[in-house]
Every structure is written in C-alpha cells, then in structure tokens.
Amino acid sequence: GTAIPTSLLGKFGFNDSNEVEDSLLLMGGVDSSVDHSGDVDGGLTARRLEREQREAATVIQTAQRSSLERRKYAQLRTKREGAAATIQSSVRAASVRRDFCKNVQAAVLIQSLARGAVKRREIEQQHQAATTIQAHVRGMAGREDIIRYCTHIEQSAAATKIQNSYRGSKQRQKFAKQAGAIVGIQALARGCLDRKSLANRTENNISTKEDRAARIAKAEAE
C-alpha cells in the first residue's frame, strides 16, 4: 500500500498502513491493487510526496470521520436500544403496575364484599338472638301474667269461699239466735198458756168445790 508516515498514522489513530487501506476499502476511496511503493522508491518529487501526503491525510481524516460516525451510530443505536428497552421496561412495569392495581382493587372489593357478608351474617344472627330473647322474655312475662291471673282467680275464689263461709256462719249464728229466741218465746207462750190453763182449772176446781160445798151446805140445811 501507500507508504504513509508513521507520525500521520499515530496522529489519526492508526497503527499501520493496513488499517488505513482497510478503512479505504470500506469507504471505496483508494484502489488497493495499485502499488505506489515504486513511485516512492523511484524518488518522487517533494511536491508529489506532499500531495500524496495530503491525500493520505484526507483519506485518514475521512476514515477517522467514518470511524467516528460508525462509533457515534453504534453509540446512538446502543442508546436507542437502551431507550427502547427502557421504554419497553417502563411499559411492562406500567402494565404490571396496572395489573397489580387491578388485582389489588379486586382483592379489596372481594375483601369488602366478604366483610360485608360476614357483618350481615353477624347482624342477622344477633337479630335472631335478640328475637329469640324477646320471645323468651314475652313468654316468661305471659306466663307470669297467667300465673298472676290464675293466682288472682284462685285468691278471689278462696276469698269468695271464705266470704261465703263467713256469711253462712253469720247467717247460721243469726238463725240460731232467732231460733233460740223463737223457742224462748214459744216456751214463754206455752208457760203462759199452761199457767193460764192451770189457773182456769184451779178456778174451775175452786168453783166446783164451792158449788159442791154449797150444795152440801144446802142439802144439810134442808
């Protein structure tokens, strides 16, 4: 290939002429089949050598720019790929967060529904227990009312019986007194009648005796 001074190669970041030729082949700027070594060895004029050096420098600069552009493109591509990966990762993360939020909302809704069902069941059980307790209380109150009513009836019946017994006793006592008084009156009446009858009989006997005595006396007088 073209003999390029080492100072130029180092200045533009190449180690040897082969790297320059490879870059030129990639860019299509220099035909590698042309051998320029003979011209150099044949004693090129200073002007020809300077021109070739300028051309070589231009080629090197072009290759350098091409290398920089490829490097920039590679970096840009890497950045784009990184950005795409970041965007994809962000999209996936957003999708995951969205799914997670949906799952959390669904779980919260399910928990809320479950707590509501449990609370309603507890309220229903408490209502049933309160209804049962109220029914027992009403039953006890009703039974107590019945017992009091029955007791009142029994007490009233007993009181009525006692009152009847007392009234009967009083009536019997009154009747006994009245009967005793009647018997006494009857006895007094009989006594009076008997005494009157006795007196009458006595008077009759006296009269009879007087009549008999009078007749006897009359008879004696005759």
C-alpha atoms as a PDB file:
ATOM      1  CA  GLY A   1       0.000   0.000   0.000  1.00  0.00           C
ATOM      2  CA  THR A   2       0.893   3.691   0.058  1.00  0.00           C
ATOM      3  CA  ALA A   3       3.713   4.477   2.445  1.00  0.00           C
ATOM      4  CA  ILE A   4       2.252   6.899   4.962  1.00  0.00           C
ATOM      5  CA  PRO A   5       4.464   8.440   7.580  1.00  0.00           C
ATOM      6  CA  THR A   6       4.121   6.914  10.989  1.00  0.00           C
ATOM      7  CA  SER A   7       3.597  10.346  12.558  1.00  0.00           C
ATOM      8  CA  LEU A   8       0.448  10.797  10.444  1.00  0.00           C
ATOM      9  CA  LEU A   9      -0.788   7.297  11.299  1.00  0.00           C
ATOM     10  CA  GLY A  10      -0.376   7.966  15.017  1.00  0.00           C
ATOM     11  CA  LYS A  11      -1.897  11.396  14.665  1.00  0.00           C
ATOM     12  CA  PHE A  12      -5.088   9.991  13.138  1.00  0.00           C
ATOM     13  CA  GLY A  13      -5.337   6.921  15.368  1.00  0.00           C
ATOM     14  CA  PHE A  14      -3.977   4.187  13.017  1.00  0.00           C
ATOM     15  CA  ASN A  15      -1.255   1.698  13.898  1.00  0.00           C
ATOM     16  CA  ASP A  16      -0.074   0.942  10.355  1.00  0.00           C
ATOM     17  CA  SER A  17      -0.945   1.395   6.678  1.00  0.00           C
ATOM     18  CA  ASN A  18      -3.034  -1.787   6.593  1.00  0.00           C
ATOM     19  CA  GLU A  19      -5.669  -0.213   8.865  1.00  0.00           C
ATOM     20  CA  VAL A  20      -5.742   2.803   6.536  1.00  0.00           C
ATOM     21  CA  GLU A  21      -6.189   0.559   3.478  1.00  0.00           C
ATOM     22  CA  ASP A  22      -8.930  -1.404   5.244  1.00  0.00           C
ATOM     23  CA  SER A  23     -10.728   1.820   6.024  1.00  0.00           C
ATOM     24  CA  LEU A  24     -10.279   2.995   2.428  1.00  0.00           C
ATOM     25  CA  LEU A  25     -11.596  -0.323   1.115  1.00  0.00           C
ATOM     26  CA  LEU A  26     -14.639   0.013   3.310  1.00  0.00           C
ATOM     27  CA  MET A  27     -15.204   3.527   2.050  1.00  0.00           C
ATOM     28  CA  GLY A  28     -14.214   2.813  -1.574  1.00  0.00           C
ATOM     29  CA  GLY A  29     -11.799   5.744  -1.625  1.00  0.00           C
ATOM     30  CA  VAL A  30      -8.493   4.040  -2.732  1.00  0.00           C
ATOM     31  CA  ASP A  31      -7.812   1.106  -5.000  1.00  0.00           C
ATOM     32  CA  SER A  32      -5.634  -1.298  -3.024  1.00  0.00           C
ATOM     33  CA  SER A  33      -4.500  -3.071  -6.193  1.00  0.00           C
ATOM     34  CA  VAL A  34      -2.367  -0.083  -7.219  1.00  0.00           C
ATOM     35  CA  ASP A  35       1.198  -0.350  -5.927  1.00  0.00           C
ATOM     36  CA  HIS A  36       2.660   3.031  -5.108  1.00  0.00           C
ATOM     37  CA  SER A  37       5.786   1.783  -3.458  1.00  0.00           C
ATOM     38  CA  GLY A  38       7.731   2.024  -6.678  1.00  0.00           C
ATOM     39  CA  ASP A  39       6.951   5.665  -7.075  1.00  0.00           C
ATOM     40  CA  VAL A  40       8.138   6.340  -3.600  1.00  0.00           C
ATOM     41  CA  ASP A  41      11.251   4.262  -4.102  1.00  0.00           C
ATOM     42  CA  GLY A  42      11.873   5.919  -7.540  1.00  0.00           C
ATOM     43  CA  GLY A  43      12.252   9.272  -5.882  1.00  0.00           C
ATOM     44  CA  LEU A  44       9.009  11.174  -6.030  1.00  0.00           C
ATOM     45  CA  THR A  45       9.371  14.841  -6.070  1.00  0.00           C
ATOM     46  CA  ALA A  46       8.668  16.714  -2.917  1.00  0.00           C
ATOM     47  CA  ARG A  47       5.527  18.136  -4.484  1.00  0.00           C
ATOM     48  CA  ARG A  48       4.196  14.680  -5.409  1.00  0.00           C
ATOM     49  CA  LEU A  49       5.028  13.357  -1.988  1.00  0.00           C
ATOM     50  CA  GLU A  50       3.365  16.350  -0.329  1.00  0.00           C
ATOM     51  CA  ARG A  51       0.273  15.881  -2.497  1.00  0.00           C
ATOM     52  CA  GLU A  52       0.090  12.198  -1.665  1.00  0.00           C
ATOM     53  CA  GLN A  53       0.597  13.010   1.965  1.00  0.00           C
ATOM     54  CA  ARG A  54      -2.269  15.497   1.765  1.00  0.00           C
ATOM     55  CA  GLU A  55      -4.360  12.880   0.009  1.00  0.00           C
ATOM     56  CA  ALA A  56      -3.385  10.308   2.621  1.00  0.00           C
ATOM     57  CA  ALA A  57      -4.218  12.775   5.355  1.00  0.00           C
ATOM     58  CA  THR A  58      -7.593  13.427   3.685  1.00  0.00           C
ATOM     59  CA  VAL A  59      -8.198   9.701   3.436  1.00  0.00           C
ATOM     60  CA  ILE A  60      -7.171   9.237   7.033  1.00  0.00           C
ATOM     61  CA  GLN A  61      -9.422  12.088   8.126  1.00  0.00           C
ATOM     62  CA  THR A  62     -12.251  10.634   6.096  1.00  0.00           C
ATOM     63  CA  ALA A  63     -11.638   7.210   7.623  1.00  0.00           C
ATOM     64  CA  GLN A  64     -11.403   8.811  11.045  1.00  0.00           C
ATOM     65  CA  ARG A  65     -14.671  10.639  10.467  1.00  0.00           C
ATOM     66  CA  SER A  66     -16.215   7.423   9.198  1.00  0.00           C
ATOM     67  CA  SER A  67     -14.951   5.555  12.253  1.00  0.00           C
ATOM     68  CA  LEU A  68     -16.279   8.320  14.486  1.00  0.00           C
ATOM     69  CA  GLU A  69     -19.617   8.264  12.661  1.00  0.00           C
ATOM     70  CA  ARG A  70     -19.800   4.483  12.992  1.00  0.00           C
ATOM     71  CA  ARG A  71     -18.876   4.804  16.625  1.00  0.00           C
ATOM     72  CA  LYS A  72     -21.483   7.539  17.085  1.00  0.00           C
ATOM     73  CA  TYR A  73     -24.037   5.452  15.219  1.00  0.00           C
ATOM     74  CA  ALA A  74     -23.171   2.436  17.367  1.00  0.00           C
ATOM     75  CA  GLN A  75     -23.493   4.589  20.485  1.00  0.00           C
ATOM     76  CA  LEU A  76     -26.739   6.103  19.183  1.00  0.00           C
ATOM     77  CA  ARG A  77     -28.009   2.644  18.317  1.00  0.00           C
ATOM     78  CA  THR A  78     -26.996   1.444  21.767  1.00  0.00           C
ATOM     79  CA  LYS A  79     -28.753   4.428  23.307  1.00  0.00           C
ATOM     80  CA  ARG A  80     -31.806   3.844  21.138  1.00  0.00           C
ATOM     81  CA  GLU A  81     -31.829   0.188  22.037  1.00  0.00           C
ATOM     82  CA  GLY A  82     -31.355   1.142  25.682  1.00  0.00           C
ATOM     83  CA  ALA A  83     -34.116   3.730  25.381  1.00  0.00           C
ATOM     84  CA  ALA A  84     -36.345   1.185  23.642  1.00  0.00           C
ATOM     85  CA  ALA A  85     -35.521  -1.345  26.336  1.00  0.00           C
ATOM     86  CA  THR A  86     -36.213   1.310  28.963  1.00  0.00           C
ATOM     87  CA  ILE A  87     -39.498   2.229  27.280  1.00  0.00           C
ATOM     88  CA  GLN A  88     -40.427  -1.443  26.948  1.00  0.00           C
ATOM     89  CA  SER A  89     -39.444  -1.989  30.559  1.00  0.00           C
ATOM     90  CA  SER A  90     -41.467   1.054  31.592  1.00  0.00           C
ATOM     91  CA  VAL A  91     -44.419  -0.153  29.524  1.00  0.00           C
ATOM     92  CA  ARG A  92     -44.124  -3.622  31.042  1.00  0.00           C
ATOM     93  CA  ALA A  93     -43.747  -2.100  34.518  1.00  0.00           C
ATOM     94  CA  ALA A  94     -46.778   0.127  33.892  1.00  0.00           C
ATOM     95  CA  SER A  95     -48.725  -2.893  32.649  1.00  0.00           C
ATOM     96  CA  VAL A  96     -47.589  -4.886  35.675  1.00  0.00           C
ATOM     97  CA  ARG A  97     -48.495  -1.991  37.988  1.00  0.00           C
ATOM     98  CA  ARG A  98     -51.848  -1.651  36.223  1.00  0.00           C
ATOM     99  CA  ASP A  99     -52.498  -5.380  36.577  1.00  0.00           C
ATOM    100  CA  PHE A 100     -51.307  -5.228  40.172  1.00  0.00           C
ATOM    101  CA  CYS A 101     -53.610  -2.278  40.914  1.00  0.00           C
ATOM    102  CA  LYS A 102     -56.497  -4.136  39.274  1.00  0.00           C
ATOM    103  CA  ASN A 103     -55.691  -7.218  41.303  1.00  0.00           C
ATOM    104  CA  VAL A 104     -55.404  -5.113  44.469  1.00  0.00           C
ATOM    105  CA  GLN A 105     -58.716  -3.393  43.708  1.00  0.00           C
ATOM    106  CA  ALA A 106     -60.323  -6.761  43.008  1.00  0.00           C
ATOM    107  CA  ALA A 107     -58.873  -8.166  46.229  1.00  0.00           C
ATOM    108  CA  VAL A 108     -60.078  -5.101  48.172  1.00  0.00           C
ATOM    109  CA  LEU A 109     -63.523  -5.431  46.595  1.00  0.00           C
ATOM    110  CA  ILE A 110     -63.631  -9.155  47.400  1.00  0.00           C
ATOM    111  CA  GLN A 111     -62.476  -8.471  50.956  1.00  0.00           C
ATOM    112  CA  SER A 112     -65.056  -5.691  51.296  1.00  0.00           C
ATOM    113  CA  LEU A 113     -67.799  -7.979  49.981  1.00  0.00           C
ATOM    114  CA  ALA A 114     -66.620 -10.781  52.279  1.00  0.00           C
ATOM    115  CA  ARG A 115     -66.532  -8.436  55.284  1.00  0.00           C
ATOM    116  CA  GLY A 116     -69.973  -7.134  54.334  1.00  0.00           C
ATOM    117  CA  ALA A 117     -71.339 -10.677  54.064  1.00  0.00           C
ATOM    118  CA  VAL A 118     -69.781 -11.621  57.412  1.00  0.00           C
ATOM    119  CA  LYS A 119     -71.123  -8.432  59.020  1.00  0.00           C
ATOM    120  CA  ARG A 120     -74.593  -9.014  57.595  1.00  0.00           C
ATOM    121  CA  ARG A 121     -74.469 -12.620  58.831  1.00  0.00           C
ATOM    122  CA  GLU A 122     -73.417 -11.406  62.290  1.00  0.00           C
ATOM    123  CA  ILE A 123     -76.195  -8.790  62.315  1.00  0.00           C
ATOM    124  CA  GLU A 124     -78.706 -11.414  61.210  1.00  0.00           C
ATOM    125  CA  GLN A 125     -77.514 -13.798  63.917  1.00  0.00           C
ATOM    126  CA  GLN A 126     -77.695 -11.002  66.510  1.00  0.00           C
ATOM    127  CA  HIS A 127     -81.180 -10.110  65.273  1.00  0.00           C
ATOM    128  CA  GLN A 128     -82.249 -13.742  65.522  1.00  0.00           C
ATOM    129  CA  ALA A 129     -80.739 -13.979  69.016  1.00  0.00           C
ATOM    130  CA  ALA A 130     -82.499 -10.759  70.053  1.00  0.00           C
ATOM    131  CA  THR A 131     -85.768 -12.043  68.588  1.00  0.00           C
ATOM    132  CA  THR A 132     -85.342 -15.326  70.473  1.00  0.00           C
ATOM    133  CA  ILE A 133     -84.545 -13.484  73.713  1.00  0.00           C
ATOM    134  CA  GLN A 134     -87.540 -11.183  73.225  1.00  0.00           C
ATOM    135  CA  ALA A 135     -89.753 -14.206  72.543  1.00  0.00           C
ATOM    136  CA  HIS A 136     -88.489 -15.886  75.741  1.00  0.00           C
ATOM    137  CA  VAL A 137     -88.998 -12.671  77.706  1.00  0.00           C
ATOM    138  CA  ARG A 138     -92.507 -12.257  76.298  1.00  0.00           C
ATOM    139  CA  GLY A 139     -93.206 -15.924  77.065  1.00  0.00           C
ATOM    140  CA  MET A 140     -91.978 -15.514  80.620  1.00  0.00           C
ATOM    141  CA  ALA A 141     -93.985 -12.299  81.018  1.00  0.00           C
ATOM    142  CA  GLY A 142     -97.053 -14.017  79.576  1.00  0.00           C
ATOM    143  CA  ARG A 143     -96.605 -16.995  81.852  1.00  0.00           C
ATOM    144  CA  GLU A 144     -96.130 -14.673  84.823  1.00  0.00           C
ATOM    145  CA  ASP A 145     -99.297 -12.797  83.814  1.00  0.00           C
ATOM    146  CA  ILE A 146    -101.146 -16.100  83.532  1.00  0.00           C
ATOM    147  CA  ILE A 147     -99.774 -17.229  86.874  1.00  0.00           C
ATOM    148  CA  ARG A 148    -100.762 -13.915  88.445  1.00  0.00           C
ATOM    149  CA  TYR A 149    -104.186 -14.131  86.813  1.00  0.00           C
ATOM    150  CA  CYS A 150    -104.645 -17.708  87.972  1.00  0.00           C
ATOM    151  CA  THR A 151    -103.383 -16.790  91.393  1.00  0.00           C
ATOM    152  CA  HIS A 152    -105.750 -13.841  91.442  1.00  0.00           C
ATOM    153  CA  ILE A 153    -108.621 -16.078  90.383  1.00  0.00           C
ATOM    154  CA  GLU A 154    -107.656 -18.659  92.982  1.00  0.00           C
ATOM    155  CA  GLN A 155    -107.297 -15.958  95.605  1.00  0.00           C
ATOM    156  CA  SER A 156    -110.603 -14.421  94.538  1.00  0.00           C
ATOM    157  CA  ALA A 157    -112.248 -17.852  94.652  1.00  0.00           C
ATOM    158  CA  ALA A 158    -110.698 -18.510  98.041  1.00  0.00           C
ATOM    159  CA  ALA A 159    -111.776 -15.084  99.253  1.00  0.00           C
ATOM    160  CA  THR A 160    -115.260 -15.663  97.870  1.00  0.00           C
ATOM    161  CA  LYS A 161    -115.335 -19.045  99.556  1.00  0.00           C
ATOM    162  CA  ILE A 162    -114.154 -17.537 102.814  1.00  0.00           C
ATOM    163  CA  GLN A 163    -116.693 -14.745 102.498  1.00  0.00           C
ATOM    164  CA  ASN A 164    -119.427 -17.250 101.735  1.00  0.00           C
ATOM    165  CA  SER A 165    -118.346 -19.353 104.674  1.00  0.00           C
ATOM    166  CA  TYR A 166    -118.288 -16.277 106.903  1.00  0.00           C
ATOM    167  CA  ARG A 167    -121.678 -15.131 105.657  1.00  0.00           C
ATOM    168  CA  GLY A 168    -123.029 -18.672 106.125  1.00  0.00           C
ATOM    169  CA  SER A 169    -121.615 -18.786 109.624  1.00  0.00           C
ATOM    170  CA  LYS A 170    -123.137 -15.412 110.402  1.00  0.00           C
ATOM    171  CA  GLN A 171    -126.446 -16.480 108.917  1.00  0.00           C
ATOM    172  CA  ARG A 172    -126.351 -19.711 110.861  1.00  0.00           C
ATOM    173  CA  GLN A 173    -125.472 -17.857 114.029  1.00  0.00           C
ATOM    174  CA  LYS A 174    -128.274 -15.370 113.352  1.00  0.00           C
ATOM    175  CA  PHE A 175    -130.681 -18.175 112.575  1.00  0.00           C
ATOM    176  CA  ALA A 176    -129.578 -19.991 115.719  1.00  0.00           C
ATOM    177  CA  LYS A 177    -130.190 -16.841 117.762  1.00  0.00           C
ATOM    178  CA  GLN A 178    -133.508 -16.302 116.057  1.00  0.00           C
ATOM    179  CA  ALA A 179    -134.391 -19.949 116.564  1.00  0.00           C
ATOM    180  CA  GLY A 180    -133.367 -19.701 120.222  1.00  0.00           C
ATOM    181  CA  ALA A 181    -135.453 -16.548 120.616  1.00  0.00           C
ATOM    182  CA  ILE A 182    -138.400 -18.223 118.913  1.00  0.00           C
ATOM    183  CA  VAL A 183    -138.029 -21.264 121.143  1.00  0.00           C
ATOM    184  CA  GLY A 184    -137.826 -18.983 124.183  1.00  0.00           C
ATOM    185  CA  ILE A 185    -140.904 -17.073 123.045  1.00  0.00           C
ATOM    186  CA  GLN A 186    -142.694 -20.286 122.337  1.00  0.00           C
ATOM    187  CA  ALA A 187    -141.656 -21.588 125.777  1.00  0.00           C
ATOM    188  CA  LEU A 188    -142.849 -18.385 127.413  1.00  0.00           C
ATOM    189  CA  ALA A 189    -146.061 -18.565 125.445  1.00  0.00           C
ATOM    190  CA  ARG A 190    -146.576 -22.180 126.370  1.00  0.00           C
ATOM    191  CA  GLY A 191    -145.741 -21.337 130.011  1.00  0.00           C
ATOM    192  CA  CYS A 192    -148.256 -18.539 129.982  1.00  0.00           C
ATOM    193  CA  LEU A 193    -150.829 -20.737 128.361  1.00  0.00           C
ATOM    194  CA  ASP A 194    -150.046 -23.532 130.769  1.00  0.00           C
ATOM    195  CA  ARG A 195    -150.237 -21.204 133.719  1.00  0.00           C
ATOM    196  CA  LYS A 196    -153.430 -19.681 132.427  1.00  0.00           C
ATOM    197  CA  SER A 197    -154.884 -23.093 131.828  1.00  0.00           C
ATOM    198  CA  LEU A 198    -153.798 -24.158 135.279  1.00  0.00           C
ATOM    199  CA  ALA A 199    -155.343 -21.060 136.763  1.00  0.00           C
ATOM    200  CA  ASN A 200    -158.538 -21.699 134.902  1.00  0.00           C
ATOM    201  CA  ARG A 201    -158.532 -25.254 136.028  1.00  0.00           C
ATOM    202  CA  THR A 202    -157.809 -24.108 139.570  1.00  0.00           C
ATOM    203  CA  GLU A 203    -160.620 -21.614 139.431  1.00  0.00           C
ATOM    204  CA  ASN A 204    -162.879 -24.229 137.997  1.00  0.00           C
ATOM    205  CA  ASN A 205    -161.879 -26.620 140.735  1.00  0.00           C
ATOM    206  CA  ILE A 206    -162.482 -23.942 143.329  1.00  0.00           C
ATOM    207  CA  SER A 207    -165.814 -23.131 141.798  1.00  0.00           C
ATOM    208  CA  THR A 208    -166.634 -26.784 141.678  1.00  0.00           C
ATOM    209  CA  LYS A 209    -165.592 -27.176 145.251  1.00  0.00           C
ATOM    210  CA  GLU A 210    -167.610 -24.118 146.254  1.00  0.00           C
ATOM    211  CA  ASP A 211    -170.584 -25.376 144.325  1.00  0.00           C
ATOM    212  CA  ARG A 212    -170.184 -28.760 145.951  1.00  0.00           C
ATOM    213  CA  ALA A 213    -169.779 -27.180 149.322  1.00  0.00           C
ATOM    214  CA  ALA A 214    -172.811 -25.005 148.660  1.00  0.00           C
ATOM    215  CA  ARG A 215    -174.847 -27.934 147.590  1.00  0.00           C
ATOM    216  CA  ILE A 216    -173.701 -29.894 150.587  1.00  0.00           C
ATOM    217  CA  ALA A 217    -174.494 -26.996 152.808  1.00  0.00           C
ATOM    218  CA  LYS A 218    -177.865 -26.562 151.154  1.00  0.00           C
ATOM    219  CA  ALA A 219    -178.513 -30.175 151.436  1.00  0.00           C
ATOM    220  CA  GLU A 220    -177.638 -30.166 155.086  1.00  0.00           C
ATOM    221  CA  ALA A 221    -179.786 -27.202 155.627  1.00  0.00           C
ATOM    222  CA  GLU A 222    -182.746 -28.876 154.203  1.00  0.00           C
END
